[in-house]
Protein backbone atom coordinates (compact mmCIF):
# COMPACT_ATOMS: atom_id res chain seq x y z
CA MET A 1 44.27 -29.76 41.33
CA ALA A 2 42.64 -27.61 38.64
CA LEU A 3 43.60 -28.20 35.00
CA ARG A 4 45.49 -25.21 33.63
CA ILE A 5 46.93 -24.04 30.34
CA ASN A 6 50.14 -25.98 29.53
CA ASP A 7 49.11 -28.89 31.73
CA THR A 8 49.28 -32.31 30.08
CA VAL A 9 45.76 -33.67 29.72
CA PRO A 10 45.00 -36.85 31.67
CA ASN A 11 45.39 -40.00 29.60
CA LEU A 12 41.88 -41.32 30.17
CA THR A 13 40.29 -44.40 28.63
CA PHE A 14 36.58 -43.92 28.06
CA PRO A 15 33.56 -45.23 26.12
CA THR A 16 32.18 -43.35 23.12
CA ASP A 17 29.50 -44.02 20.53
CA LEU A 18 32.34 -45.08 18.20
CA GLY A 19 33.96 -47.47 20.68
CA GLU A 20 36.43 -47.23 23.54
CA LEU A 21 39.21 -44.66 23.18
CA THR A 22 42.35 -43.72 25.11
CA LEU A 23 42.89 -39.98 24.94
CA HIS A 24 46.62 -39.68 24.19
CA ASP A 25 46.47 -42.42 21.57
CA TRP A 26 43.40 -40.83 20.00
CA ILE A 27 45.08 -37.40 19.79
CA GLY A 28 48.24 -38.91 18.32
CA ASP A 29 50.19 -36.26 16.40
CA SER A 30 47.11 -34.11 15.79
CA TRP A 31 45.62 -31.07 17.43
CA ALA A 32 42.38 -31.74 19.28
CA VAL A 33 39.26 -29.82 20.25
CA ILE A 34 37.18 -31.22 23.09
CA PHE A 35 33.74 -29.69 23.60
CA SER A 36 31.44 -30.82 26.36
CA HIS A 37 27.73 -30.72 27.11
CA PRO A 38 25.49 -31.38 30.13
CA LYS A 39 22.92 -33.64 28.45
CA ASP A 40 21.79 -35.15 25.13
CA PHE A 41 18.59 -34.07 23.37
CA THR A 42 18.83 -30.45 24.56
CA PRO A 43 18.27 -27.47 22.25
CA VAL A 44 21.45 -25.39 22.50
CA CYS A 45 23.68 -28.46 22.52
CA THR A 46 22.02 -29.84 19.40
CA THR A 47 22.74 -26.62 17.48
CA GLU A 48 26.36 -26.68 18.67
CA PHE A 49 26.98 -30.29 17.68
CA GLY A 50 25.41 -29.48 14.32
CA ALA A 51 27.81 -26.55 13.89
CA VAL A 52 30.79 -28.78 14.67
CA ALA A 53 29.59 -31.36 12.12
CA GLN A 54 29.28 -28.66 9.45
CA LEU A 55 32.94 -27.72 10.00
CA SER A 56 34.37 -31.18 9.36
CA ASP A 57 36.42 -29.99 6.37
CA GLU A 58 37.81 -27.06 8.38
CA TRP A 59 38.96 -29.32 11.21
CA ALA A 60 40.61 -31.63 8.66
CA LYS A 61 42.46 -28.71 7.00
CA ARG A 62 43.98 -27.88 10.37
CA GLY A 63 44.98 -31.44 11.24
CA THR A 64 42.56 -31.33 14.14
CA LYS A 65 40.36 -34.01 15.69
CA VAL A 66 37.18 -33.15 17.56
CA LEU A 67 35.70 -34.98 20.53
CA GLY A 68 32.29 -34.34 22.03
CA VAL A 69 31.54 -35.07 25.66
CA SER A 70 28.10 -35.58 27.18
CA VAL A 71 27.06 -37.20 30.44
CA ASP A 72 24.53 -39.55 28.83
CA GLY A 73 25.20 -43.07 27.58
CA VAL A 74 26.29 -44.57 24.27
CA GLU A 75 22.82 -45.53 23.07
CA ASP A 76 21.48 -42.03 23.73
CA HIS A 77 24.45 -40.58 21.82
CA LYS A 78 23.70 -42.76 18.81
CA LYS A 79 20.05 -41.70 18.78
CA TRP A 80 20.90 -38.05 19.38
CA LYS A 81 23.25 -38.01 16.38
CA GLY A 82 20.19 -38.51 14.18
CA ASP A 83 18.78 -35.22 15.46
CA ILE A 84 22.15 -33.50 15.17
CA GLU A 85 22.57 -34.56 11.55
CA SER A 86 18.96 -33.68 10.70
CA PHE A 87 19.34 -30.18 12.14
CA GLY A 88 22.89 -29.51 10.97
CA GLY A 89 22.62 -31.10 7.54
CA ALA A 90 26.01 -32.75 7.97
CA GLU A 91 27.34 -36.06 9.20
CA ALA A 92 28.46 -36.02 12.84
CA GLY A 93 31.38 -38.36 12.32
CA PHE A 94 33.27 -37.42 15.49
CA PRO A 95 33.06 -39.52 18.68
CA ILE A 96 31.05 -38.47 21.73
CA VAL A 97 32.29 -39.53 25.16
CA ALA A 98 29.64 -41.34 27.23
CA ASP A 99 30.59 -39.73 30.53
CA THR A 100 27.89 -41.39 32.62
CA ASP A 101 30.13 -41.65 35.69
CA LEU A 102 31.41 -38.07 35.30
CA ALA A 103 35.01 -39.34 35.31
CA PHE A 104 35.95 -37.33 32.20
CA SER A 105 34.21 -34.16 33.41
CA LYS A 106 35.92 -34.35 36.80
CA ALA A 107 39.34 -35.11 35.31
CA PHE A 108 39.01 -31.97 33.18
CA ASP A 109 37.92 -29.97 36.22
CA MET A 110 34.45 -29.20 34.87
CA LEU A 111 32.63 -30.42 37.99
CA PRO A 112 33.31 -30.62 41.71
CA ALA A 113 34.95 -33.85 42.85
CA ASP A 114 31.85 -34.78 44.84
CA ALA A 115 29.41 -34.15 41.96
CA TYR A 116 26.96 -36.88 41.13
CA LEU A 117 23.94 -37.33 38.85
CA PRO A 118 20.66 -37.72 40.74
CA ASP A 119 17.75 -39.73 39.41
CA GLY A 120 15.54 -37.60 37.21
CA ARG A 121 18.30 -35.07 36.77
CA THR A 122 18.11 -32.07 34.47
CA PRO A 123 20.94 -30.34 32.56
CA ALA A 124 21.24 -27.94 35.51
CA ASP A 125 22.78 -30.76 37.55
CA SER A 126 25.80 -30.76 35.23
CA ALA A 127 25.55 -27.20 33.94
CA THR A 128 29.28 -26.46 34.13
CA VAL A 129 29.94 -29.20 31.59
CA ARG A 130 29.88 -26.60 28.78
CA SER A 131 33.55 -26.16 28.06
CA VAL A 132 35.98 -26.08 25.14
CA PHE A 133 39.57 -27.30 25.32
CA ILE A 134 42.14 -26.99 22.54
CA ILE A 135 45.01 -29.44 22.94
CA ALA A 136 48.31 -29.42 21.03
CA PRO A 137 50.06 -32.52 19.65
CA ASN A 138 52.26 -32.51 22.76
CA LYS A 139 49.06 -33.34 24.72
CA LYS A 140 49.11 -30.02 26.59
CA VAL A 141 46.14 -27.71 27.05
CA GLN A 142 46.49 -24.57 24.93
CA LEU A 143 43.10 -22.92 25.51
CA MET A 144 40.04 -23.32 27.76
CA MET A 145 36.63 -21.66 27.53
CA THR A 146 33.51 -22.29 29.64
CA TYR A 147 30.06 -21.07 28.66
CA PRO A 148 26.76 -20.71 30.51
CA MET A 149 23.81 -22.84 29.46
CA SER A 150 22.01 -19.89 27.85
CA VAL A 151 24.70 -18.89 25.32
CA GLY A 152 25.56 -21.03 22.31
CA ARG A 153 29.22 -21.26 21.45
CA ASN A 154 30.66 -19.51 18.40
CA PHE A 155 32.68 -22.17 16.61
CA ALA A 156 34.00 -19.61 14.15
CA GLU A 157 35.82 -18.18 17.18
CA VAL A 158 37.07 -21.63 18.13
CA LEU A 159 38.51 -21.96 14.61
CA ARG A 160 40.04 -18.48 14.82
CA ALA A 161 41.64 -19.30 18.15
CA LEU A 162 42.90 -22.62 16.78
CA ASP A 163 44.46 -20.79 13.81
CA GLY A 164 46.19 -18.39 16.20
CA LEU A 165 47.49 -21.22 18.36
CA GLN A 166 48.83 -23.11 15.37
CA ARG A 167 50.43 -19.95 13.97
CA THR A 168 52.28 -19.21 17.23
CA TYR A 169 52.91 -22.77 18.46
CA GLU A 170 56.48 -23.11 19.73
CA GLN A 171 57.42 -19.80 18.06
CA PRO A 172 58.21 -16.38 19.63
CA LEU A 173 55.01 -14.93 18.20
CA ALA A 174 51.58 -13.84 19.39
CA THR A 175 48.42 -12.61 17.70
CA PRO A 176 46.73 -9.26 18.39
CA ALA A 177 43.08 -8.68 19.23
CA ASN A 178 40.68 -9.82 16.50
CA TRP A 179 43.48 -11.41 14.49
CA GLU A 180 42.53 -13.43 11.42
CA THR A 181 44.66 -15.80 9.36
CA GLY A 182 47.03 -13.88 7.06
CA GLN A 183 47.19 -10.74 9.17
CA ASP A 184 50.37 -9.45 10.79
CA VAL A 185 51.55 -11.06 14.01
CA ILE A 186 53.26 -9.71 17.12
CA VAL A 187 56.90 -10.58 17.76
CA ALA A 188 57.60 -11.62 21.34
CA LEU A 189 59.85 -9.50 23.52
CA ALA A 190 62.13 -12.50 23.95
CA LEU A 191 63.74 -11.34 20.69
CA ASP A 192 65.46 -7.97 20.47
CA ASP A 193 64.94 -5.89 17.33
CA ALA A 194 67.99 -7.28 15.54
CA ALA A 195 67.08 -10.90 16.23
CA ALA A 196 63.44 -10.28 15.35
CA GLU A 197 64.34 -8.67 12.01
CA ALA A 198 66.79 -11.43 11.21
CA LYS A 199 64.08 -14.02 11.80
CA TYR A 200 60.97 -12.27 10.47
CA GLY A 201 62.11 -9.36 8.30
CA ALA A 202 61.22 -5.70 8.66
CA LEU A 203 59.19 -4.84 11.75
CA ASP A 204 56.30 -2.41 12.08
CA LYS A 205 57.09 -0.84 15.45
CA LYS A 206 53.94 0.65 16.95
CA LEU A 207 55.47 0.99 20.42
CA PRO A 208 58.82 -0.10 21.85
CA TYR A 209 57.13 -3.23 23.19
CA LEU A 210 54.62 -3.72 20.35
CA ARG A 211 56.25 -4.88 17.13
CA PHE A 212 54.41 -6.43 14.20
CA ALA A 213 55.83 -8.65 11.49
CA LYS A 214 54.31 -10.04 8.34
CA ASN A 215 52.65 -13.38 8.96
CA PRO A 216 55.53 -15.80 8.29
CA GLY A 217 53.02 -18.45 7.20
């Protein structure tokens, strides 16, 4: 069955360049971002891993762990990190899953169940392994994005989405289009006007079903 938003992520145990990890234990009480790639030593992926390394302070501010996934082995990951750090100018201190058997990619529904890696493969053989998952402390998927091989991911958008998820997590709130931290938020229709005002103060009512409140954070 396909992995969907609000599904609990599978509690996999897997090798990484920083040792063996079990997913639920690794997430712990944190948020987590998992970003996956079809092969080490490839151009777009190297720029993306470099971008993630540069944002280490931003992940830490948000109580968020990051986990890379690539279908090559541990030794390749260790060597590749030298290129990532040289290009990005920052330490890549996060673990990278060595998904050589595709178990992680299949569990996260990034590849068909019958997918395999042929000898002499190219990144095209695992092209759909270019996904982002944001996972809450309750171990449930909050967001999924999948990119083609030709378009590098915008990790500023991943941060923005993470901020929105953390702002609205387990609250009757949502964020509007292009929302940034500090801007007004939308109050869910689960609250009537009186309950919404009691909880969040004066409302800016644009439409009967579109009510803004000051960011309570």
